[in-house]
Amino acid sequence: MCCSTFPREKQGTGLLLIFLVFLSGIHIVSYFSVLLLQLTSIALCILLFCCYFPFFLRGSTRNNFSSPRR
């Protein structure tokens, strides 16, 4: 009975080690994915700002000078 429980305990600690390594790997991967997501969102915001800001300027100047009030 003693010999049959010993390998099971060893297997449990091995599974626990694998689980901890798996969790730390997920933590590292999630950290890098969050960092990548933040960088891409910042880049998209800058891109949208550069693309649409001249249109906003052009639209506001066009609205101001197109039709003077009576």
PDB file of N, CA and C in Angstrom:
ATOM      1  N   MET A   1       0.833  -1.196   0.000  1.00  0.00           N
ATOM      2  CA  MET A   1       0.000   0.000   0.000  1.00  0.00           C
ATOM      3  C   MET A   1       0.877   1.260   0.000  1.00  0.00           C
ATOM      4  N   CYS A   2       1.985   1.220   0.715  1.00  0.00           N
ATOM      5  CA  CYS A   2       2.863   2.377   0.785  1.00  0.00           C
ATOM      6  C   CYS A   2       3.512   2.636  -0.576  1.00  0.00           C
ATOM      7  N   CYS A   3       3.883   1.557  -1.245  1.00  0.00           N
ATOM      8  CA  CYS A   3       4.568   1.721  -2.525  1.00  0.00           C
ATOM      9  C   CYS A   3       3.624   2.217  -3.608  1.00  0.00           C
ATOM     10  N   SER A   4       2.333   1.928  -3.506  1.00  0.00           N
ATOM     11  CA  SER A   4       1.401   2.336  -4.556  1.00  0.00           C
ATOM     12  C   SER A   4       1.043   3.824  -4.430  1.00  0.00           C
ATOM     13  N   THR A   5       1.096   4.385  -3.219  1.00  0.00           N
ATOM     14  CA  THR A   5       0.746   5.797  -3.056  1.00  0.00           C
ATOM     15  C   THR A   5       1.929   6.707  -3.363  1.00  0.00           C
ATOM     16  N   PHE A   6       3.153   6.195  -3.258  1.00  0.00           N
ATOM     17  CA  PHE A   6       4.330   7.052  -3.439  1.00  0.00           C
ATOM     18  C   PHE A   6       4.431   7.609  -4.864  1.00  0.00           C
ATOM     19  N   PRO A   7       4.290   6.768  -5.898  1.00  0.00           N
ATOM     20  CA  PRO A   7       4.377   7.330  -7.250  1.00  0.00           C
ATOM     21  C   PRO A   7       3.227   8.291  -7.565  1.00  0.00           C
ATOM     22  N   ARG A   8       2.076   8.044  -6.958  1.00  0.00           N
ATOM     23  CA  ARG A   8       0.946   8.941  -7.196  1.00  0.00           C
ATOM     24  C   ARG A   8       1.252  10.328  -6.629  1.00  0.00           C
ATOM     25  N   GLU A   9       1.875  10.367  -5.444  1.00  0.00           N
ATOM     26  CA  GLU A   9       2.256  11.651  -4.852  1.00  0.00           C
ATOM     27  C   GLU A   9       3.280  12.347  -5.738  1.00  0.00           C
ATOM     28  N   LYS A  10       4.233  11.587  -6.239  1.00  0.00           N
ATOM     29  CA  LYS A  10       5.264  12.171  -7.096  1.00  0.00           C
ATOM     30  C   LYS A  10       4.629  12.709  -8.381  1.00  0.00           C
ATOM     31  N   GLN A  11       3.683  11.976  -8.895  1.00  0.00           N
ATOM     32  CA  GLN A  11       2.995  12.422 -10.105  1.00  0.00           C
ATOM     33  C   GLN A  11       2.196  13.703  -9.820  1.00  0.00           C
ATOM     34  N   GLY A  12       1.615  13.787  -8.632  1.00  0.00           N
ATOM     35  CA  GLY A  12       0.862  14.983  -8.268  1.00  0.00           C
ATOM     36  C   GLY A  12       1.759  16.208  -8.192  1.00  0.00           C
ATOM     37  N   THR A  13       2.953  16.049  -7.594  1.00  0.00           N
ATOM     38  CA  THR A  13       3.868  17.196  -7.519  1.00  0.00           C
ATOM     39  C   THR A  13       4.357  17.567  -8.914  1.00  0.00           C
ATOM     40  N   GLY A  14       4.565  16.587  -9.765  1.00  0.00           N
ATOM     41  CA  GLY A  14       4.967  16.871 -11.141  1.00  0.00           C
ATOM     42  C   GLY A  14       3.891  17.643 -11.881  1.00  0.00           C
ATOM     43  N   LEU A  15       2.643  17.223 -11.681  1.00  0.00           N
ATOM     44  CA  LEU A  15       1.533  17.933 -12.315  1.00  0.00           C
ATOM     45  C   LEU A  15       1.421  19.355 -11.772  1.00  0.00           C
ATOM     46  N   LEU A  16       1.677  19.506 -10.464  1.00  0.00           N
ATOM     47  CA  LEU A  16       1.630  20.835  -9.866  1.00  0.00           C
ATOM     48  C   LEU A  16       2.717  21.732 -10.465  1.00  0.00           C
ATOM     49  N   LEU A  17       3.915  21.169 -10.638  1.00  0.00           N
ATOM     50  CA  LEU A  17       5.010  21.927 -11.257  1.00  0.00           C
ATOM     51  C   LEU A  17       4.657  22.331 -12.678  1.00  0.00           C
ATOM     52  N   ILE A  18       4.112  21.375 -13.445  1.00  0.00           N
ATOM     53  CA  ILE A  18       3.721  21.673 -14.827  1.00  0.00           C
ATOM     54  C   ILE A  18       2.642  22.749 -14.840  1.00  0.00           C
ATOM     55  N   PHE A  19       1.712  22.664 -13.890  1.00  0.00           N
ATOM     56  CA  PHE A  19       0.632  23.649 -13.808  1.00  0.00           C
ATOM     57  C   PHE A  19       1.180  25.035 -13.492  1.00  0.00           C
ATOM     58  N   LEU A  20       2.145  25.099 -12.557  1.00  0.00           N
ATOM     59  CA  LEU A  20       2.739  26.395 -12.204  1.00  0.00           C
ATOM     60  C   LEU A  20       3.502  26.980 -13.382  1.00  0.00           C
ATOM     61  N   VAL A  21       4.260  26.151 -14.093  1.00  0.00           N
ATOM     62  CA  VAL A  21       5.000  26.633 -15.268  1.00  0.00           C
ATOM     63  C   VAL A  21       4.015  27.110 -16.331  1.00  0.00           C
ATOM     64  N   PHE A  22       2.926  26.352 -16.498  1.00  0.00           N
ATOM     65  CA  PHE A  22       1.892  26.714 -17.467  1.00  0.00           C
ATOM     66  C   PHE A  22       1.277  28.065 -17.118  1.00  0.00           C
ATOM     67  N   LEU A  23       0.974  28.268 -15.809  1.00  0.00           N
ATOM     68  CA  LEU A  23       0.386  29.533 -15.376  1.00  0.00           C
ATOM     69  C   LEU A  23       1.350  30.691 -15.573  1.00  0.00           C
ATOM     70  N   SER A  24       2.620  30.483 -15.251  1.00  0.00           N
ATOM     71  CA  SER A  24       3.592  31.564 -15.429  1.00  0.00           C
ATOM     72  C   SER A  24       3.772  31.872 -16.912  1.00  0.00           C
ATOM     73  N   GLY A  25       3.730  30.832 -17.752  1.00  0.00           N
ATOM     74  CA  GLY A  25       3.817  31.054 -19.192  1.00  0.00           C
ATOM     75  C   GLY A  25       2.627  31.839 -19.697  1.00  0.00           C
ATOM     76  N   ILE A  26       1.430  31.514 -19.198  1.00  0.00           N
ATOM     77  CA  ILE A  26       0.223  32.254 -19.577  1.00  0.00           C
ATOM     78  C   ILE A  26       0.346  33.700 -19.111  1.00  0.00           C
ATOM     79  N   HIS A  27       0.892  33.899 -17.908  1.00  0.00           N
ATOM     80  CA  HIS A  27       1.053  35.248 -17.375  1.00  0.00           C
ATOM     81  C   HIS A  27       1.987  36.064 -18.273  1.00  0.00           C
ATOM     82  N   ILE A  28       3.111  35.472 -18.670  1.00  0.00           N
ATOM     83  CA  ILE A  28       4.066  36.170 -19.531  1.00  0.00           C
ATOM     84  C   ILE A  28       3.437  36.466 -20.887  1.00  0.00           C
ATOM     85  N   VAL A  29       2.747  35.468 -21.452  1.00  0.00           N
ATOM     86  CA  VAL A  29       2.120  35.653 -22.764  1.00  0.00           C
ATOM     87  C   VAL A  29       1.026  36.723 -22.692  1.00  0.00           C
ATOM     88  N   SER A  30       0.241  36.711 -21.610  1.00  0.00           N
ATOM     89  CA  SER A  30      -0.821  37.711 -21.485  1.00  0.00           C
ATOM     90  C   SER A  30      -0.215  39.102 -21.311  1.00  0.00           C
ATOM     91  N   TYR A  31       0.904  39.202 -20.569  1.00  0.00           N
ATOM     92  CA  TYR A  31       1.570  40.500 -20.400  1.00  0.00           C
ATOM     93  C   TYR A  31       2.031  41.036 -21.746  1.00  0.00           C
ATOM     94  N   PHE A  32       2.667  40.152 -22.551  1.00  0.00           N
ATOM     95  CA  PHE A  32       3.154  40.602 -23.852  1.00  0.00           C
ATOM     96  C   PHE A  32       2.004  40.921 -24.795  1.00  0.00           C
ATOM     97  N   SER A  33       0.917  40.149 -24.723  1.00  0.00           N
ATOM     98  CA  SER A  33      -0.219  40.421 -25.606  1.00  0.00           C
ATOM     99  C   SER A  33      -0.883  41.739 -25.229  1.00  0.00           C
ATOM    100  N   VAL A  34      -0.975  42.031 -23.932  1.00  0.00           N
ATOM    101  CA  VAL A  34      -1.546  43.310 -23.498  1.00  0.00           C
ATOM    102  C   VAL A  34      -0.660  44.459 -23.954  1.00  0.00           C
ATOM    103  N   LEU A  35       0.663  44.275 -23.847  1.00  0.00           N
ATOM    104  CA  LEU A  35       1.597  45.299 -24.300  1.00  0.00           C
ATOM    105  C   LEU A  35       1.449  45.527 -25.798  1.00  0.00           C
ATOM    106  N   LEU A  36       1.347  44.431 -26.557  1.00  0.00           N
ATOM    107  CA  LEU A  36       1.185  44.530 -28.007  1.00  0.00           C
ATOM    108  C   LEU A  36      -0.138  45.204 -28.352  1.00  0.00           C
ATOM    109  N   LEU A  37      -1.185  44.866 -27.620  1.00  0.00           N
ATOM    110  CA  LEU A  37      -2.496  45.460 -27.858  1.00  0.00           C
ATOM    111  C   LEU A  37      -2.456  46.969 -27.589  1.00  0.00           C
ATOM    112  N   GLN A  38      -1.792  47.373 -26.515  1.00  0.00           N
ATOM    113  CA  GLN A  38      -1.673  48.797 -26.211  1.00  0.00           C
ATOM    114  C   GLN A  38      -0.904  49.519 -27.304  1.00  0.00           C
ATOM    115  N   LEU A  39       0.199  48.919 -27.772  1.00  0.00           N
ATOM    116  CA  LEU A  39       1.000  49.556 -28.817  1.00  0.00           C
ATOM    117  C   LEU A  39       0.204  49.688 -30.101  1.00  0.00           C
ATOM    118  N   THR A  40      -0.538  48.649 -30.479  1.00  0.00           N
ATOM    119  CA  THR A  40      -1.315  48.722 -31.715  1.00  0.00           C
ATOM    120  C   THR A  40      -2.454  49.727 -31.585  1.00  0.00           C
ATOM    121  N   SER A  41      -3.072  49.814 -30.404  1.00  0.00           N
ATOM    122  CA  SER A  41      -4.158  50.780 -30.233  1.00  0.00           C
ATOM    123  C   SER A  41      -3.620  52.207 -30.303  1.00  0.00           C
ATOM    124  N   ILE A  42      -2.436  52.445 -29.710  1.00  0.00           N
ATOM    125  CA  ILE A  42      -1.827  53.771 -29.784  1.00  0.00           C
ATOM    126  C   ILE A  42      -1.483  54.111 -31.231  1.00  0.00           C
ATOM    127  N   ALA A  43      -0.939  53.132 -31.964  1.00  0.00           N
ATOM    128  CA  ALA A  43      -0.586  53.364 -33.370  1.00  0.00           C
ATOM    129  C   ALA A  43      -1.837  53.646 -34.199  1.00  0.00           C
ATOM    130  N   LEU A  44      -2.922  52.917 -33.930  1.00  0.00           N
ATOM    131  CA  LEU A  44      -4.168  53.154 -34.658  1.00  0.00           C
ATOM    132  C   LEU A  44      -4.733  54.538 -34.350  1.00  0.00           C
ATOM    133  N   CYS A  45      -4.658  54.956 -33.103  1.00  0.00           N
ATOM    134  CA  CYS A  45      -5.149  56.289 -32.747  1.00  0.00           C
ATOM    135  C   CYS A  45      -4.347  57.367 -33.462  1.00  0.00           C
ATOM    136  N   ILE A  46      -3.019  57.217 -33.496  1.00  0.00           N
ATOM    137  CA  ILE A  46      -2.176  58.198 -34.181  1.00  0.00           C
ATOM    138  C   ILE A  46      -2.489  58.216 -35.667  1.00  0.00           C
ATOM    139  N   LEU A  47      -2.675  57.021 -36.247  1.00  0.00           N
ATOM    140  CA  LEU A  47      -2.979  56.914 -37.681  1.00  0.00           C
ATOM    141  C   LEU A  47      -4.319  57.583 -37.987  1.00  0.00           C
ATOM    142  N   LEU A  48      -5.338  57.292 -37.174  1.00  0.00           N
ATOM    143  CA  LEU A  48      -6.653  57.900 -37.393  1.00  0.00           C
ATOM    144  C   LEU A  48      -6.581  59.412 -37.222  1.00  0.00           C
ATOM    145  N   PHE A  49      -5.822  59.860 -36.225  1.00  0.00           N
ATOM    146  CA  PHE A  49      -5.684  61.304 -35.995  1.00  0.00           C
ATOM    147  C   PHE A  49      -5.019  61.971 -37.201  1.00  0.00           C
ATOM    148  N   CYS A  50      -3.945  61.359 -37.717  1.00  0.00           N
ATOM    149  CA  CYS A  50      -3.245  61.935 -38.873  1.00  0.00           C
ATOM    150  C   CYS A  50      -4.113  61.887 -40.119  1.00  0.00           C
ATOM    151  N   CYS A  51      -4.942  60.857 -40.260  1.00  0.00           N
ATOM    152  CA  CYS A  51      -5.764  60.738 -41.463  1.00  0.00           C
ATOM    153  C   CYS A  51      -6.944  61.693 -41.424  1.00  0.00           C
ATOM    154  N   TYR A  52      -7.589  61.861 -40.266  1.00  0.00           N
ATOM    155  CA  TYR A  52      -8.845  62.594 -40.212  1.00  0.00           C
ATOM    156  C   TYR A  52      -8.696  64.037 -39.777  1.00  0.00           C
ATOM    157  N   PHE A  53      -7.581  64.411 -39.174  1.00  0.00           N
ATOM    158  CA  PHE A  53      -7.435  65.783 -38.690  1.00  0.00           C
ATOM    159  C   PHE A  53      -7.440  66.800 -39.831  1.00  0.00           C
ATOM    160  N   PRO A  54      -6.733  66.564 -40.958  1.00  0.00           N
ATOM    161  CA  PRO A  54      -6.825  67.513 -42.083  1.00  0.00           C
ATOM    162  C   PRO A  54      -8.233  67.628 -42.637  1.00  0.00           C
ATOM    163  N   PHE A  55      -8.996  66.517 -42.649  1.00  0.00           N
ATOM    164  CA  PHE A  55     -10.379  66.578 -43.127  1.00  0.00           C
ATOM    165  C   PHE A  55     -11.223  67.458 -42.215  1.00  0.00           C
ATOM    166  N   PHE A  56     -11.006  67.342 -40.885  1.00  0.00           N
ATOM    167  CA  PHE A  56     -11.747  68.179 -39.954  1.00  0.00           C
ATOM    168  C   PHE A  56     -11.398  69.651 -40.154  1.00  0.00           C
ATOM    169  N   LEU A  57     -10.096  69.934 -40.344  1.00  0.00           N
ATOM    170  CA  LEU A  57      -9.685  71.308 -40.571  1.00  0.00           C
ATOM    171  C   LEU A  57     -10.297  71.850 -41.860  1.00  0.00           C
ATOM    172  N   ARG A  58     -10.241  71.047 -42.916  1.00  0.00           N
ATOM    173  CA  ARG A  58     -10.767  71.460 -44.204  1.00  0.00           C
ATOM    174  C   ARG A  58     -12.277  71.685 -44.115  1.00  0.00           C
ATOM    175  N   GLY A  59     -12.976  70.787 -43.399  1.00  0.00           N
ATOM    176  CA  GLY A  59     -14.424  70.926 -43.266  1.00  0.00           C
ATOM    177  C   GLY A  59     -14.790  72.181 -42.490  1.00  0.00           C
ATOM    178  N   SER A  60     -14.054  72.487 -41.428  1.00  0.00           N
ATOM    179  CA  SER A  60     -14.397  73.657 -40.625  1.00  0.00           C
ATOM    180  C   SER A  60     -14.119  74.941 -41.408  1.00  0.00           C
ATOM    181  N   THR A  61     -13.008  74.990 -42.158  1.00  0.00           N
ATOM    182  CA  THR A  61     -12.732  76.199 -42.939  1.00  0.00           C
ATOM    183  C   THR A  61     -13.730  76.333 -44.076  1.00  0.00           C
ATOM    184  N   ARG A  62     -14.133  75.221 -44.686  1.00  0.00           N
ATOM    185  CA  ARG A  62     -15.104  75.266 -45.773  1.00  0.00           C
ATOM    186  C   ARG A  62     -16.451  75.783 -45.252  1.00  0.00           C
ATOM    187  N   ASN A  63     -16.843  75.331 -44.054  1.00  0.00           N
ATOM    188  CA  ASN A  63     -18.123  75.773 -43.510  1.00  0.00           C
ATOM    189  C   ASN A  63     -18.084  77.258 -43.145  1.00  0.00           C
ATOM    190  N   ASN A  64     -16.936  77.751 -42.733  1.00  0.00           N
ATOM    191  CA  ASN A  64     -16.844  79.147 -42.328  1.00  0.00           C
ATOM    192  C   ASN A  64     -16.880  80.091 -43.528  1.00  0.00           C
ATOM    193  N   PHE A  65     -16.223  79.690 -44.636  1.00  0.00           N
ATOM    194  CA  PHE A  65     -16.055  80.630 -45.743  1.00  0.00           C
ATOM    195  C   PHE A  65     -16.967  80.346 -46.924  1.00  0.00           C
ATOM    196  N   SER A  66     -17.764  79.273 -46.877  1.00  0.00           N
ATOM    197  CA  SER A  66     -18.545  78.930 -48.070  1.00  0.00           C
ATOM    198  C   SER A  66     -19.740  79.867 -48.228  1.00  0.00           C
ATOM    199  N   SER A  67     -20.521  80.063 -47.179  1.00  0.00           N
ATOM    200  CA  SER A  67     -21.726  80.887 -47.315  1.00  0.00           C
ATOM    201  C   SER A  67     -21.756  81.944 -46.206  1.00  0.00           C
ATOM    202  N   PRO A  68     -21.495  83.181 -46.506  1.00  0.00           N
ATOM    203  CA  PRO A  68     -21.594  84.229 -45.469  1.00  0.00           C
ATOM    204  C   PRO A  68     -23.040  84.469 -45.064  1.00  0.00           C
ATOM    205  N   ARG A  69     -23.253  84.878 -43.811  1.00  0.00           N
ATOM    206  CA  ARG A  69     -24.614  85.108 -43.318  1.00  0.00           C
ATOM    207  C   ARG A  69     -25.175  86.405 -43.901  1.00  0.00           C
ATOM    208  N   ARG A  70     -26.484  86.395 -44.083  1.00  0.00           N
ATOM    209  CA  ARG A  70     -27.131  87.589 -44.648  1.00  0.00           C
ATOM    210  C   ARG A  70     -27.273  88.690 -43.597  1.00  0.00           C
TER     211      ARG A  70
END
